[in-house]
Amino acid sequence: MSTLRKVGTYPADEMIESGQRFYDEHLQQSLEPEHTGRYVAIEPCSGRYFLGDTGTEALLDARQALPESLFYLARIGHSAADTLSGYGRRNG
């Protein structure tokens, strides 16, 4: 794991890379067999992680345990934590 940093000092790209790397190297094999479809909030500096049935649940548990930290959110067994879809009608 990379050098520990003070909480809140991650640039966004570094947080994403660090969180994804931690998931790939330390969590993927152990979480995917039993928790596919659930969410994991990862605090990359400490390696602590929190599971939830929703992203909100995982992040609320994480924030309660580590209120000053930033978290990387992943959906276990999926390439993205969530999707955005829908349609709209343009007026005018």
C-alpha atoms as a PDB file:
ATOM      1  CA  MET A   1       0.000   0.000   0.000  1.00  0.00           C
ATOM      2  CA  SER A   2       1.178   3.519  -0.664  1.00  0.00           C
ATOM      3  CA  THR A   3       2.416   5.903   1.990  1.00  0.00           C
ATOM      4  CA  LEU A   4      -0.237   6.828   4.524  1.00  0.00           C
ATOM      5  CA  ARG A   5      -1.601  10.323   4.137  1.00  0.00           C
ATOM      6  CA  LYS A   6      -3.390  12.685   6.419  1.00  0.00           C
ATOM      7  CA  VAL A   7      -7.152  12.320   6.195  1.00  0.00           C
ATOM      8  CA  GLY A   8      -8.740  14.577   3.603  1.00  0.00           C
ATOM      9  CA  THR A   9      -5.569  15.215   1.606  1.00  0.00           C
ATOM     10  CA  TYR A  10      -6.271  12.875  -1.320  1.00  0.00           C
ATOM     11  CA  PRO A  11      -6.774  14.365  -4.764  1.00  0.00           C
ATOM     12  CA  ALA A  12      -9.863  12.692  -6.295  1.00  0.00           C
ATOM     13  CA  ASP A  13      -7.939  10.656  -8.897  1.00  0.00           C
ATOM     14  CA  GLU A  14      -5.521   9.341  -6.290  1.00  0.00           C
ATOM     15  CA  MET A  15      -8.391   8.362  -3.977  1.00  0.00           C
ATOM     16  CA  ILE A  16     -10.060   6.414  -6.784  1.00  0.00           C
ATOM     17  CA  GLU A  17      -6.842   4.664  -7.784  1.00  0.00           C
ATOM     18  CA  SER A  18      -5.915   3.851  -4.194  1.00  0.00           C
ATOM     19  CA  GLY A  19      -9.382   2.537  -3.335  1.00  0.00           C
ATOM     20  CA  GLN A  20      -9.645   0.422  -6.477  1.00  0.00           C
ATOM     21  CA  ARG A  21      -6.142  -0.967  -5.993  1.00  0.00           C
ATOM     22  CA  PHE A  22      -6.932  -1.915  -2.385  1.00  0.00           C
ATOM     23  CA  TYR A  23     -10.154  -3.612  -3.484  1.00  0.00           C
ATOM     24  CA  ASP A  24      -8.400  -5.522  -6.290  1.00  0.00           C
ATOM     25  CA  GLU A  25      -5.426  -6.630  -4.188  1.00  0.00           C
ATOM     26  CA  HIS A  26      -7.004  -7.269  -0.781  1.00  0.00           C
ATOM     27  CA  LEU A  27     -10.782  -7.627  -0.924  1.00  0.00           C
ATOM     28  CA  GLN A  28     -11.995  -8.878  -4.278  1.00  0.00           C
ATOM     29  CA  GLN A  29     -11.257 -12.585  -3.797  1.00  0.00           C
ATOM     30  CA  SER A  30     -12.676 -12.748  -0.291  1.00  0.00           C
ATOM     31  CA  LEU A  31     -15.795 -10.601  -0.855  1.00  0.00           C
ATOM     32  CA  GLU A  32     -17.039 -11.637  -4.293  1.00  0.00           C
ATOM     33  CA  PRO A  33     -18.069 -15.217  -3.537  1.00  0.00           C
ATOM     34  CA  GLU A  34     -20.542 -14.263  -0.785  1.00  0.00           C
ATOM     35  CA  HIS A  35     -21.262 -10.548  -1.209  1.00  0.00           C
ATOM     36  CA  THR A  36     -21.716  -9.943  -4.962  1.00  0.00           C
ATOM     37  CA  GLY A  37     -24.157  -7.081  -5.499  1.00  0.00           C
ATOM     38  CA  ARG A  38     -23.568  -5.521  -2.071  1.00  0.00           C
ATOM     39  CA  TYR A  39     -21.513  -2.355  -1.555  1.00  0.00           C
ATOM     40  CA  VAL A  40     -18.199  -1.772   0.151  1.00  0.00           C
ATOM     41  CA  ALA A  41     -16.921   1.587   1.427  1.00  0.00           C
ATOM     42  CA  ILE A  42     -13.120   1.516   1.711  1.00  0.00           C
ATOM     43  CA  GLU A  43     -10.909   3.901   3.672  1.00  0.00           C
ATOM     44  CA  PRO A  44      -7.668   3.463   1.693  1.00  0.00           C
ATOM     45  CA  CYS A  45      -5.296   4.899   4.312  1.00  0.00           C
ATOM     46  CA  SER A  46      -6.183   2.340   6.974  1.00  0.00           C
ATOM     47  CA  GLY A  47      -7.614  -0.438   4.831  1.00  0.00           C
ATOM     48  CA  ARG A  48     -10.797  -0.519   6.892  1.00  0.00           C
ATOM     49  CA  TYR A  49     -13.923  -1.318   4.950  1.00  0.00           C
ATOM     50  CA  PHE A  50     -17.647  -1.412   5.572  1.00  0.00           C
ATOM     51  CA  LEU A  51     -20.285  -3.530   3.827  1.00  0.00           C
ATOM     52  CA  GLY A  52     -23.882  -2.588   3.123  1.00  0.00           C
ATOM     53  CA  ASP A  53     -26.823  -3.702   1.041  1.00  0.00           C
ATOM     54  CA  THR A  54     -26.891  -0.177  -0.408  1.00  0.00           C
ATOM     55  CA  GLY A  55     -24.147   2.354  -1.033  1.00  0.00           C
ATOM     56  CA  THR A  56     -25.764   4.662   1.494  1.00  0.00           C
ATOM     57  CA  GLU A  57     -25.741   1.980   4.181  1.00  0.00           C
ATOM     58  CA  ALA A  58     -22.055   1.207   3.627  1.00  0.00           C
ATOM     59  CA  LEU A  59     -21.116   4.898   3.648  1.00  0.00           C
ATOM     60  CA  LEU A  60     -23.178   5.693   6.763  1.00  0.00           C
ATOM     61  CA  ASP A  61     -21.504   2.855   8.688  1.00  0.00           C
ATOM     62  CA  ALA A  62     -18.101   4.015   7.449  1.00  0.00           C
ATOM     63  CA  ARG A  63     -18.760   7.652   8.365  1.00  0.00           C
ATOM     64  CA  GLN A  64     -19.956   6.651  11.836  1.00  0.00           C
ATOM     65  CA  ALA A  65     -16.764   4.683  12.493  1.00  0.00           C
ATOM     66  CA  LEU A  66     -14.355   7.141  10.824  1.00  0.00           C
ATOM     67  CA  PRO A  67     -16.075  10.552  10.698  1.00  0.00           C
ATOM     68  CA  GLU A  68     -13.063  12.483   9.392  1.00  0.00           C
ATOM     69  CA  SER A  69     -12.220  10.095   6.541  1.00  0.00           C
ATOM     70  CA  LEU A  70     -12.952   9.894   2.841  1.00  0.00           C
ATOM     71  CA  PHE A  71     -14.142   6.624   1.311  1.00  0.00           C
ATOM     72  CA  TYR A  72     -14.006   4.791  -1.981  1.00  0.00           C
ATOM     73  CA  LEU A  73     -17.341   3.113  -2.773  1.00  0.00           C
ATOM     74  CA  ALA A  74     -17.536  -0.022  -4.902  1.00  0.00           C
ATOM     75  CA  ARG A  75     -20.248  -2.474  -5.788  1.00  0.00           C
ATOM     76  CA  ILE A  76     -18.917  -5.951  -5.222  1.00  0.00           C
ATOM     77  CA  GLY A  77     -18.652  -7.959  -8.425  1.00  0.00           C
ATOM     78  CA  HIS A  78     -19.504  -4.984 -10.669  1.00  0.00           C
ATOM     79  CA  SER A  79     -17.335  -2.590 -12.658  1.00  0.00           C
ATOM     80  CA  ALA A  80     -19.126   0.480 -11.255  1.00  0.00           C
ATOM     81  CA  ALA A  81     -20.814   1.265  -7.949  1.00  0.00           C
ATOM     82  CA  ASP A  82     -24.000   2.406  -9.637  1.00  0.00           C
ATOM     83  CA  THR A  83     -25.544   3.362 -12.958  1.00  0.00           C
ATOM     84  CA  LEU A  84     -27.300   6.464 -14.149  1.00  0.00           C
ATOM     85  CA  SER A  85     -30.041   6.007 -16.670  1.00  0.00           C
ATOM     86  CA  GLY A  86     -33.352   7.393 -17.692  1.00  0.00           C
ATOM     87  CA  TYR A  87     -34.852   9.674 -20.226  1.00  0.00           C
ATOM     88  CA  GLY A  88     -36.079  13.176 -20.362  1.00  0.00           C
ATOM     89  CA  ARG A  89     -38.087  15.410 -22.540  1.00  0.00           C
ATOM     90  CA  ARG A  90     -36.730  18.731 -23.611  1.00  0.00           C
ATOM     91  CA  ASN A  91     -39.154  21.596 -23.426  1.00  0.00           C
ATOM     92  CA  GLY A  92     -38.853  24.324 -25.994  1.00  0.00           C
END
